[in-house]
Protein backbone atom coordinates (compact mmCIF):
# COMPACT_ATOMS: atom_id res chain seq x y z
CA MET A 1 -63.55 -30.09 -53.12
CA PRO A 2 -60.91 -27.64 -54.43
CA MET A 3 -57.86 -29.13 -56.10
CA THR A 4 -54.42 -28.65 -54.61
CA THR A 5 -51.90 -26.63 -56.56
CA GLU A 6 -49.78 -29.78 -56.91
CA LYS A 7 -52.66 -31.63 -58.59
CA ILE A 8 -53.38 -28.66 -60.87
CA PHE A 9 -49.67 -28.49 -61.74
CA LEU A 10 -49.64 -32.21 -62.67
CA GLU A 11 -52.76 -31.86 -64.81
CA VAL A 12 -51.31 -28.90 -66.70
CA ILE A 13 -47.97 -30.68 -67.20
CA SER A 14 -49.64 -33.91 -68.38
CA GLY A 15 -51.38 -32.16 -71.29
CA LYS A 16 -54.25 -34.65 -71.16
CA LYS A 17 -56.99 -32.26 -70.01
CA ASP A 18 -56.10 -28.90 -71.59
CA ASN A 19 -59.74 -28.20 -72.47
CA ALA A 20 -61.01 -29.14 -69.00
CA ILE A 21 -58.78 -27.03 -66.72
CA LYS A 22 -60.84 -24.57 -64.70
CA PHE A 23 -59.86 -20.93 -65.12
CA SER A 24 -59.84 -20.47 -61.33
CA ASP A 25 -57.45 -23.44 -60.98
CA LEU A 26 -55.09 -21.98 -63.58
CA HIS A 27 -55.18 -18.64 -61.74
CA LYS A 28 -54.36 -20.47 -58.49
CA LEU A 29 -51.44 -22.27 -60.15
CA LEU A 30 -49.93 -19.06 -61.54
CA GLU A 31 -50.16 -17.46 -58.09
CA ALA A 32 -48.42 -20.50 -56.55
CA LEU A 33 -45.67 -20.15 -59.18
CA LYS A 34 -45.18 -16.56 -57.90
CA PHE A 35 -46.38 -14.75 -61.02
CA SER A 36 -47.58 -11.16 -60.60
CA GLU A 37 -51.00 -10.32 -62.01
CA ARG A 38 -52.52 -7.38 -63.83
CA VAL A 39 -56.15 -7.39 -64.99
CA LYS A 40 -57.49 -5.48 -68.01
CA GLY A 41 -61.16 -6.25 -68.59
CA ASP A 42 -61.38 -10.04 -68.89
CA HIS A 43 -57.66 -10.36 -69.70
CA PHE A 44 -55.54 -11.63 -66.84
CA ILE A 45 -51.89 -10.82 -67.55
CA TYR A 46 -49.15 -12.61 -65.60
CA TYR A 47 -45.46 -11.82 -65.49
CA LYS A 48 -42.49 -12.90 -63.42
CA ASN A 49 -38.89 -11.78 -63.05
CA GLY A 50 -36.64 -14.15 -64.95
CA VAL A 51 -39.43 -15.27 -67.32
CA ARG A 52 -39.34 -13.52 -70.68
CA GLU A 53 -42.84 -14.53 -71.77
CA ILE A 54 -45.90 -12.66 -70.58
CA ILE A 55 -48.90 -14.91 -69.99
CA ASN A 56 -52.27 -13.53 -71.05
CA ILE A 57 -55.31 -15.66 -70.23
CA GLN A 58 -59.07 -15.17 -70.51
CA PRO A 59 -61.83 -17.39 -69.17
CA ASP A 60 -63.88 -19.48 -71.60
CA GLY A 61 -66.94 -19.91 -69.45
CA LYS A 62 -65.64 -21.54 -66.27
CA ASN A 63 -62.66 -23.14 -68.02
CA ALA A 64 -59.39 -21.80 -69.35
CA LYS A 65 -58.76 -21.87 -73.09
CA ALA A 66 -56.86 -25.02 -74.12
CA TYR A 67 -54.22 -23.17 -76.15
CA GLN A 68 -53.47 -20.93 -73.17
CA VAL A 69 -53.03 -23.97 -70.90
CA LYS A 70 -50.52 -25.28 -73.46
CA GLN A 71 -48.65 -21.94 -73.44
CA ILE A 72 -48.42 -22.07 -69.65
CA ARG A 73 -47.17 -25.68 -69.79
CA ASN A 74 -44.47 -24.61 -72.26
CA VAL A 75 -43.34 -21.78 -69.92
CA ILE A 76 -43.29 -24.13 -66.92
CA LEU A 77 -41.16 -26.65 -68.81
CA ALA A 78 -38.86 -24.07 -70.42
CA TYR A 79 -38.04 -22.42 -67.09
CA LYS A 80 -38.28 -25.61 -64.98
CA LEU A 81 -40.81 -23.97 -62.66
CA GLU A 82 -42.15 -25.90 -59.67
CA VAL A 83 -44.83 -25.33 -57.03
């Protein structure tokens, strides 16, 4: 059963499962946070008005890379983003 964006958001914020977040779930979360997407090869680049950082993620098998999950958590916290 697919996870809700709220559950994905809570898992990313908690920081307890950074190496077990599915890439597709992270993609879903960034869309819910209203980020725009550009794809270059296997690089998925996200940007949003009002957010200085550009988020660049690549899949690691079916999961997202743990350090990229941490970067996204830091952006969410810094800009107080919510789903």
